[in-house]
Amino acid sequence: MLPLKDDNKLQTIPVFTIGLIAANCLVFYYQITLPPRLEDQFLFRFGLIPIALTHLHVLAAGTSFPIWLTPLTSMFLHGDLWHLLGNMLYLWIFGNNVEDYLGHFKFLAFYLLSGLAAVALFVTLNPDGRLPLVGASGAIAGILGAYLVAFPRSRVLTLIWILFFIRMVWLPAVFLLGYWIVLQIVMAAATVGSSTDGGVAWSAHVGGFAFGWIIMRLFKKRLAATRHIAVDTADYYGRWH
């Protein structure tokens, strides 16, 4: 199932969603202009290598970039064009609405923290991994978790492709994203103990999604409480003034 667009109307211009997409595309363009050997070095230097974080004395020869920054830099790297395009599609469809809901700067902080949460779970489950973790999918998974809380009744136009069956249908966000996270959990469980997480960072997706879902629930509850207090205050002053 491939999401194409949702039915939410934007109230503001999603400047940080657009900026993140542009940043990822620019980094990827630079990456693919490098010769193959240098491109590999680029990914190993700026991607997140779990063992480099869990065993700081085990570092690749010639590494000069601070290891503690790689959880951030790895979010802007991608393995190939399809990896990039898939992530940016999801970021645009779901990220612009979450930015609209949270506000610009809160959205950026939320995005980066989701990515760090995704990395934390991945490294915890793969402490001896020696291959670089790259991609924005962990941070975007956090956006998906937030979207599920904020817009559960939204509908998403989805391309369904099963062998010769191809159709575009409007699906409830709760169904589409629910299916997505269940798939991530199943695949993460199936690859437990694998140093490469099965070639896809399934556990990072789960970590990012869980963080986004929990934080958005807390934010939504706090926002509802704030609005309730504001309504009560307005009602009080309306009665006595």
C-alpha atoms as a PDB file:
ATOM      1  CA  MET A   1       0.000   0.000   0.000  1.00  0.00           C
ATOM      2  CA  LEU A   2       1.474   3.317  -1.104  1.00  0.00           C
ATOM      3  CA  PRO A   3      -0.042   6.542   0.314  1.00  0.00           C
ATOM      4  CA  LEU A   4      -0.417   9.361  -2.213  1.00  0.00           C
ATOM      5  CA  LYS A   5      -2.163  12.178  -0.320  1.00  0.00           C
ATOM      6  CA  ASP A   6      -4.562  12.818   2.552  1.00  0.00           C
ATOM      7  CA  ASP A   7      -7.733  14.868   2.806  1.00  0.00           C
ATOM      8  CA  ASN A   8      -6.538  17.345   5.459  1.00  0.00           C
ATOM      9  CA  LYS A   9      -6.428  21.035   4.566  1.00  0.00           C
ATOM     10  CA  LEU A  10      -3.343  22.964   5.645  1.00  0.00           C
ATOM     11  CA  GLN A  11      -3.714  26.183   7.615  1.00  0.00           C
ATOM     12  CA  THR A  12      -0.074  27.248   7.322  1.00  0.00           C
ATOM     13  CA  ILE A  13       2.864  26.746   4.963  1.00  0.00           C
ATOM     14  CA  PRO A  14       4.861  23.719   6.240  1.00  0.00           C
ATOM     15  CA  VAL A  15       8.227  25.464   6.000  1.00  0.00           C
ATOM     16  CA  PHE A  16      10.184  22.931   8.055  1.00  0.00           C
ATOM     17  CA  THR A  17       8.675  19.940   6.271  1.00  0.00           C
ATOM     18  CA  ILE A  18       9.734  21.495   2.979  1.00  0.00           C
ATOM     19  CA  GLY A  19      13.133  22.395   4.442  1.00  0.00           C
ATOM     20  CA  LEU A  20      13.763  18.853   5.692  1.00  0.00           C
ATOM     21  CA  ILE A  21      12.835  17.394   2.318  1.00  0.00           C
ATOM     22  CA  ALA A  22      15.174  19.858   0.594  1.00  0.00           C
ATOM     23  CA  ALA A  23      18.014  19.085   3.019  1.00  0.00           C
ATOM     24  CA  ASN A  24      17.667  15.331   2.496  1.00  0.00           C
ATOM     25  CA  CYS A  25      17.608  15.746  -1.281  1.00  0.00           C
ATOM     26  CA  LEU A  26      20.648  18.049  -1.294  1.00  0.00           C
ATOM     27  CA  VAL A  27      22.670  15.656   0.875  1.00  0.00           C
ATOM     28  CA  PHE A  28      21.720  12.741  -1.358  1.00  0.00           C
ATOM     29  CA  TYR A  29      22.683  14.699  -4.479  1.00  0.00           C
ATOM     30  CA  TYR A  30      26.097  15.403  -2.969  1.00  0.00           C
ATOM     31  CA  GLN A  31      26.423  11.759  -1.947  1.00  0.00           C
ATOM     32  CA  ILE A  32      25.782  10.362  -5.428  1.00  0.00           C
ATOM     33  CA  THR A  33      28.269  12.785  -7.013  1.00  0.00           C
ATOM     34  CA  LEU A  34      31.048  11.101  -5.049  1.00  0.00           C
ATOM     35  CA  PRO A  35      33.058   8.225  -6.548  1.00  0.00           C
ATOM     36  CA  PRO A  36      31.852   4.839  -5.214  1.00  0.00           C
ATOM     37  CA  ARG A  37      34.759   4.440  -2.784  1.00  0.00           C
ATOM     38  CA  LEU A  38      34.305   7.926  -1.356  1.00  0.00           C
ATOM     39  CA  GLU A  39      30.537   7.446  -1.171  1.00  0.00           C
ATOM     40  CA  ASP A  40      31.053   4.380   1.025  1.00  0.00           C
ATOM     41  CA  GLN A  41      33.412   6.350   3.236  1.00  0.00           C
ATOM     42  CA  PHE A  42      30.854   9.142   3.424  1.00  0.00           C
ATOM     43  CA  LEU A  43      28.157   6.742   4.636  1.00  0.00           C
ATOM     44  CA  PHE A  44      30.459   5.103   7.183  1.00  0.00           C
ATOM     45  CA  ARG A  45      31.673   8.453   8.495  1.00  0.00           C
ATOM     46  CA  PHE A  46      28.296  10.185   8.865  1.00  0.00           C
ATOM     47  CA  GLY A  47      26.017   7.163   9.263  1.00  0.00           C
ATOM     48  CA  LEU A  48      25.381   5.681  12.697  1.00  0.00           C
ATOM     49  CA  ILE A  49      27.428   2.576  13.461  1.00  0.00           C
ATOM     50  CA  PRO A  50      26.066   0.990  16.663  1.00  0.00           C
ATOM     51  CA  ILE A  51      29.337  -0.536  17.844  1.00  0.00           C
ATOM     52  CA  ALA A  52      31.018   2.867  17.546  1.00  0.00           C
ATOM     53  CA  LEU A  53      28.563   4.189  20.145  1.00  0.00           C
ATOM     54  CA  THR A  54      28.487   1.165  22.443  1.00  0.00           C
ATOM     55  CA  HIS A  55      32.247   0.493  22.231  1.00  0.00           C
ATOM     56  CA  LEU A  56      33.897   3.867  21.746  1.00  0.00           C
ATOM     57  CA  HIS A  57      37.356   2.270  21.459  1.00  0.00           C
ATOM     58  CA  VAL A  58      36.243   0.287  18.378  1.00  0.00           C
ATOM     59  CA  LEU A  59      36.382   2.917  15.656  1.00  0.00           C
ATOM     60  CA  ALA A  60      36.982   2.746  11.926  1.00  0.00           C
ATOM     61  CA  ALA A  61      40.459   3.828  10.891  1.00  0.00           C
ATOM     62  CA  GLY A  62      40.665   7.467   9.922  1.00  0.00           C
ATOM     63  CA  THR A  63      37.359   8.445  11.578  1.00  0.00           C
ATOM     64  CA  SER A  64      37.561  12.105  12.564  1.00  0.00           C
ATOM     65  CA  PHE A  65      33.892  13.100  12.759  1.00  0.00           C
ATOM     66  CA  PRO A  66      32.463  13.097  16.315  1.00  0.00           C
ATOM     67  CA  ILE A  67      30.667   9.806  16.896  1.00  0.00           C
ATOM     68  CA  TRP A  68      28.075  11.432  19.150  1.00  0.00           C
ATOM     69  CA  LEU A  69      26.797  13.521  16.222  1.00  0.00           C
ATOM     70  CA  THR A  70      26.131  10.558  13.940  1.00  0.00           C
ATOM     71  CA  PRO A  71      22.626   9.908  15.383  1.00  0.00           C
ATOM     72  CA  LEU A  72      21.714  13.300  13.860  1.00  0.00           C
ATOM     73  CA  THR A  73      23.693  13.166  10.626  1.00  0.00           C
ATOM     74  CA  SER A  74      22.478   9.635   9.837  1.00  0.00           C
ATOM     75  CA  MET A  75      18.929  11.006   9.512  1.00  0.00           C
ATOM     76  CA  PHE A  76      19.927  12.917   6.374  1.00  0.00           C
ATOM     77  CA  LEU A  77      21.610  10.024   4.531  1.00  0.00           C
ATOM     78  CA  HIS A  78      19.965   7.437   2.288  1.00  0.00           C
ATOM     79  CA  GLY A  79      21.091   4.206   0.714  1.00  0.00           C
ATOM     80  CA  ASP A  80      19.636   4.786  -2.750  1.00  0.00           C
ATOM     81  CA  LEU A  81      17.129   6.873  -4.691  1.00  0.00           C
ATOM     82  CA  TRP A  82      14.105   4.695  -3.854  1.00  0.00           C
ATOM     83  CA  HIS A  83      14.981   4.854  -0.173  1.00  0.00           C
ATOM     84  CA  LEU A  84      15.027   8.648  -0.408  1.00  0.00           C
ATOM     85  CA  LEU A  85      11.849   8.989  -2.473  1.00  0.00           C
ATOM     86  CA  GLY A  86       9.823   6.678  -0.231  1.00  0.00           C
ATOM     87  CA  ASN A  87      10.850   8.533   2.900  1.00  0.00           C
ATOM     88  CA  MET A  88      10.238  11.963   1.410  1.00  0.00           C
ATOM     89  CA  LEU A  89       6.782  10.918   0.178  1.00  0.00           C
ATOM     90  CA  TYR A  90       5.771   9.871   3.689  1.00  0.00           C
ATOM     91  CA  LEU A  91       7.343  12.991   5.192  1.00  0.00           C
ATOM     92  CA  TRP A  92       5.376  15.253   2.871  1.00  0.00           C
ATOM     93  CA  ILE A  93       1.990  13.525   3.209  1.00  0.00           C
ATOM     94  CA  PHE A  94       2.042  13.197   6.993  1.00  0.00           C
ATOM     95  CA  GLY A  95       4.646  15.724   8.094  1.00  0.00           C
ATOM     96  CA  ASN A  96       2.938  18.840   6.760  1.00  0.00           C
ATOM     97  CA  ASN A  97      -0.195  18.152   8.840  1.00  0.00           C
ATOM     98  CA  VAL A  98       1.781  17.405  11.992  1.00  0.00           C
ATOM     99  CA  GLU A  99       3.728  20.648  11.507  1.00  0.00           C
ATOM    100  CA  ASP A 100       0.417  22.455  11.057  1.00  0.00           C
ATOM    101  CA  TYR A 101      -0.827  20.933  14.326  1.00  0.00           C
ATOM    102  CA  LEU A 102       2.292  21.429  16.462  1.00  0.00           C
ATOM    103  CA  GLY A 103       3.659  24.650  15.034  1.00  0.00           C
ATOM    104  CA  HIS A 104       6.891  25.044  13.088  1.00  0.00           C
ATOM    105  CA  PHE A 105       9.617  24.933  15.742  1.00  0.00           C
ATOM    106  CA  LYS A 106       7.912  22.324  17.908  1.00  0.00           C
ATOM    107  CA  PHE A 107       7.587  20.175  14.799  1.00  0.00           C
ATOM    108  CA  LEU A 108      11.304  20.406  14.037  1.00  0.00           C
ATOM    109  CA  ALA A 109      12.220  19.479  17.606  1.00  0.00           C
ATOM    110  CA  PHE A 110       9.678  16.657  17.537  1.00  0.00           C
ATOM    111  CA  TYR A 111      11.098  15.317  14.272  1.00  0.00           C
ATOM    112  CA  LEU A 112      14.690  15.272  15.518  1.00  0.00           C
ATOM    113  CA  LEU A 113      13.776  13.755  18.884  1.00  0.00           C
ATOM    114  CA  SER A 114      11.775  11.034  17.114  1.00  0.00           C
ATOM    115  CA  GLY A 115      14.856  10.212  15.078  1.00  0.00           C
ATOM    116  CA  LEU A 116      16.977   9.992  18.222  1.00  0.00           C
ATOM    117  CA  ALA A 117      14.408   7.729  19.898  1.00  0.00           C
ATOM    118  CA  ALA A 118      14.467   5.474  16.833  1.00  0.00           C
ATOM    119  CA  VAL A 119      18.256   5.308  16.959  1.00  0.00           C
ATOM    120  CA  ALA A 120      18.203   4.544  20.693  1.00  0.00           C
ATOM    121  CA  LEU A 121      16.018   1.456  20.262  1.00  0.00           C
ATOM    122  CA  PHE A 122      17.980   0.273  17.230  1.00  0.00           C
ATOM    123  CA  VAL A 123      21.331   0.538  19.037  1.00  0.00           C
ATOM    124  CA  THR A 124      19.891  -1.123  22.154  1.00  0.00           C
ATOM    125  CA  LEU A 125      18.788  -4.138  20.097  1.00  0.00           C
ATOM    126  CA  ASN A 126      21.865  -4.157  17.832  1.00  0.00           C
ATOM    127  CA  PRO A 127      24.754  -3.010  20.067  1.00  0.00           C
ATOM    128  CA  ASP A 128      27.441  -4.768  18.031  1.00  0.00           C
ATOM    129  CA  GLY A 129      26.218  -3.721  14.576  1.00  0.00           C
ATOM    130  CA  ARG A 130      29.037  -2.672  12.275  1.00  0.00           C
ATOM    131  CA  LEU A 131      27.045  -1.442   9.272  1.00  0.00           C
ATOM    132  CA  PRO A 132      25.935   2.207   9.159  1.00  0.00           C
ATOM    133  CA  LEU A 133      22.324   3.022   9.923  1.00  0.00           C
ATOM    134  CA  VAL A 134      21.152   5.677   7.463  1.00  0.00           C
ATOM    135  CA  GLY A 135      17.810   7.201   6.562  1.00  0.00           C
ATOM    136  CA  ALA A 136      15.101   9.522   7.819  1.00  0.00           C
ATOM    137  CA  SER A 137      12.612   6.701   8.362  1.00  0.00           C
ATOM    138  CA  GLY A 138      13.026   6.586  12.149  1.00  0.00           C
ATOM    139  CA  ALA A 139      12.188  10.278  12.480  1.00  0.00           C
ATOM    140  CA  ILE A 140       9.375   9.950   9.941  1.00  0.00           C
ATOM    141  CA  ALA A 141       7.987   6.992  11.902  1.00  0.00           C
ATOM    142  CA  GLY A 142       7.618   9.392  14.813  1.00  0.00           C
ATOM    143  CA  ILE A 143       5.623  11.686  12.538  1.00  0.00           C
ATOM    144  CA  LEU A 144       3.367   8.765  11.600  1.00  0.00           C
ATOM    145  CA  GLY A 145       2.735   7.989  15.262  1.00  0.00           C
ATOM    146  CA  ALA A 146       1.864  11.625  15.906  1.00  0.00           C
ATOM    147  CA  TYR A 147      -0.415  11.772  12.862  1.00  0.00           C
ATOM    148  CA  LEU A 148      -2.304   8.709  14.066  1.00  0.00           C
ATOM    149  CA  VAL A 149      -3.078  10.469  17.359  1.00  0.00           C
ATOM    150  CA  ALA A 150      -3.865  13.893  15.889  1.00  0.00           C
ATOM    151  CA  PHE A 151      -5.792  12.831  12.771  1.00  0.00           C
ATOM    152  CA  PRO A 152      -7.189   9.318  13.284  1.00  0.00           C
ATOM    153  CA  ARG A 153     -10.316  10.060  11.237  1.00  0.00           C
ATOM    154  CA  SER A 154      -8.473  11.460   8.233  1.00  0.00           C
ATOM    155  CA  ARG A 155      -8.536   9.542   4.975  1.00  0.00           C
ATOM    156  CA  VAL A 156      -5.509   8.771   2.833  1.00  0.00           C
ATOM    157  CA  LEU A 157      -5.615   8.106  -0.897  1.00  0.00           C
ATOM    158  CA  THR A 158      -3.684   4.867  -1.232  1.00  0.00           C
ATOM    159  CA  LEU A 159      -2.393   2.878  -4.180  1.00  0.00           C
ATOM    160  CA  ILE A 160      -3.002  -0.824  -3.554  1.00  0.00           C
ATOM    161  CA  TRP A 161      -0.973  -3.157  -5.747  1.00  0.00           C
ATOM    162  CA  ILE A 162      -1.305  -6.937  -5.383  1.00  0.00           C
ATOM    163  CA  LEU A 163       0.031  -8.776  -8.445  1.00  0.00           C
ATOM    164  CA  PHE A 164      -2.368  -7.693 -11.239  1.00  0.00           C
ATOM    165  CA  PHE A 165      -4.778  -5.967  -8.868  1.00  0.00           C
ATOM    166  CA  ILE A 166      -4.099  -2.220  -8.914  1.00  0.00           C
ATOM    167  CA  ARG A 167      -6.523   0.264  -7.433  1.00  0.00           C
ATOM    168  CA  MET A 168      -6.525   3.643  -5.680  1.00  0.00           C
ATOM    169  CA  VAL A 169      -8.794   3.846  -2.641  1.00  0.00           C
ATOM    170  CA  TRP A 170      -9.351   6.238   0.255  1.00  0.00           C
ATOM    171  CA  LEU A 171      -8.387   4.457   3.474  1.00  0.00           C
ATOM    172  CA  PRO A 172      -8.847   5.655   7.067  1.00  0.00           C
ATOM    173  CA  ALA A 173      -5.533   6.817   8.500  1.00  0.00           C
ATOM    174  CA  VAL A 174      -6.040   4.567  11.511  1.00  0.00           C
ATOM    175  CA  PHE A 175      -6.209   1.528   9.219  1.00  0.00           C
ATOM    176  CA  LEU A 176      -3.271   2.470   6.990  1.00  0.00           C
ATOM    177  CA  LEU A 177      -0.923   3.503   9.793  1.00  0.00           C
ATOM    178  CA  GLY A 178      -2.133   0.691  12.026  1.00  0.00           C
ATOM    179  CA  TYR A 179      -1.246  -1.800   9.291  1.00  0.00           C
ATOM    180  CA  TRP A 180       2.126  -0.080   8.825  1.00  0.00           C
ATOM    181  CA  ILE A 181       3.196  -0.259  12.467  1.00  0.00           C
ATOM    182  CA  VAL A 182       1.999  -3.855  12.885  1.00  0.00           C
ATOM    183  CA  LEU A 183       4.161  -4.796   9.897  1.00  0.00           C
ATOM    184  CA  GLN A 184       7.162  -3.030  11.452  1.00  0.00           C
ATOM    185  CA  ILE A 185       6.678  -4.822  14.774  1.00  0.00           C
ATOM    186  CA  VAL A 186       6.344  -8.224  13.113  1.00  0.00           C
ATOM    187  CA  MET A 187       9.465  -7.701  11.004  1.00  0.00           C
ATOM    188  CA  ALA A 188      11.441  -6.293  13.939  1.00  0.00           C
ATOM    189  CA  ALA A 189      10.527  -9.357  16.017  1.00  0.00           C
ATOM    190  CA  ALA A 190      11.508 -11.656  13.146  1.00  0.00           C
ATOM    191  CA  THR A 191      14.971 -10.087  12.892  1.00  0.00           C
ATOM    192  CA  VAL A 192      15.832  -9.888  16.604  1.00  0.00           C
ATOM    193  CA  GLY A 193      19.474 -10.830  17.053  1.00  0.00           C
ATOM    194  CA  SER A 194      20.438  -9.922  13.498  1.00  0.00           C
ATOM    195  CA  SER A 195      23.270  -7.374  13.447  1.00  0.00           C
ATOM    196  CA  THR A 196      21.824  -5.794  10.309  1.00  0.00           C
ATOM    197  CA  ASP A 197      18.176  -5.872  11.483  1.00  0.00           C
ATOM    198  CA  GLY A 198      17.371  -7.820   8.333  1.00  0.00           C
ATOM    199  CA  GLY A 199      18.739  -5.087   6.030  1.00  0.00           C
ATOM    200  CA  VAL A 200      15.960  -2.668   7.078  1.00  0.00           C
ATOM    201  CA  ALA A 201      15.890  -0.781  10.377  1.00  0.00           C
ATOM    202  CA  TRP A 202      12.556  -2.250  11.474  1.00  0.00           C
ATOM    203  CA  SER A 203      13.285  -1.703  15.166  1.00  0.00           C
ATOM    204  CA  ALA A 204      14.182   1.940  14.506  1.00  0.00           C
ATOM    205  CA  HIS A 205      10.778   2.391  12.883  1.00  0.00           C
ATOM    206  CA  VAL A 206       9.090   0.911  15.942  1.00  0.00           C
ATOM    207  CA  GLY A 207      11.096   3.127  18.302  1.00  0.00           C
ATOM    208  CA  GLY A 208      10.327   6.292  16.359  1.00  0.00           C
ATOM    209  CA  PHE A 209       6.635   5.476  16.010  1.00  0.00           C
ATOM    210  CA  ALA A 210       6.229   4.657  19.699  1.00  0.00           C
ATOM    211  CA  PHE A 211       7.922   7.900  20.703  1.00  0.00           C
ATOM    212  CA  GLY A 212       5.768   9.954  18.337  1.00  0.00           C
ATOM    213  CA  TRP A 213       2.547   8.269  19.449  1.00  0.00           C
ATOM    214  CA  ILE A 214       3.267   8.700  23.170  1.00  0.00           C
ATOM    215  CA  ILE A 215       4.470  12.305  22.973  1.00  0.00           C
ATOM    216  CA  MET A 216       1.577  13.388  20.765  1.00  0.00           C
ATOM    217  CA  ARG A 217      -0.923  11.811  23.158  1.00  0.00           C
ATOM    218  CA  LEU A 218       0.630  13.763  26.020  1.00  0.00           C
ATOM    219  CA  PHE A 219       0.696  16.958  23.958  1.00  0.00           C
ATOM    220  CA  LYS A 220      -2.920  16.527  22.845  1.00  0.00           C
ATOM    221  CA  LYS A 221      -4.056  15.879  26.425  1.00  0.00           C
ATOM    222  CA  ARG A 222      -2.205  18.971  27.649  1.00  0.00           C
ATOM    223  CA  LEU A 223      -3.625  21.062  24.806  1.00  0.00           C
ATOM    224  CA  ALA A 224      -7.150  19.890  25.617  1.00  0.00           C
ATOM    225  CA  ALA A 225      -6.639  20.759  29.284  1.00  0.00           C
ATOM    226  CA  THR A 226      -5.336  24.220  28.386  1.00  0.00           C
ATOM    227  CA  ARG A 227      -8.324  24.887  26.143  1.00  0.00           C
ATOM    228  CA  HIS A 228     -10.690  23.678  28.874  1.00  0.00           C
ATOM    229  CA  ILE A 229      -9.158  26.106  31.366  1.00  0.00           C
ATOM    230  CA  ALA A 230      -9.382  28.922  28.824  1.00  0.00           C
ATOM    231  CA  VAL A 231     -13.075  28.182  28.195  1.00  0.00           C
ATOM    232  CA  ASP A 232     -13.815  28.052  31.937  1.00  0.00           C
ATOM    233  CA  THR A 233     -11.979  31.344  32.469  1.00  0.00           C
ATOM    234  CA  ALA A 234     -13.852  33.015  29.619  1.00  0.00           C
ATOM    235  CA  ASP A 235     -17.139  31.707  31.010  1.00  0.00           C
ATOM    236  CA  TYR A 236     -16.285  33.057  34.465  1.00  0.00           C
ATOM    237  CA  TYR A 237     -15.495  36.528  33.187  1.00  0.00           C
ATOM    238  CA  GLY A 238     -18.536  36.448  30.946  1.00  0.00           C
ATOM    239  CA  ARG A 239     -20.758  35.855  33.944  1.00  0.00           C
ATOM    240  CA  TRP A 240     -19.222  38.330  36.371  1.00  0.00           C
ATOM    241  CA  HIS A 241     -18.003  41.068  34.072  1.00  0.00           C
END
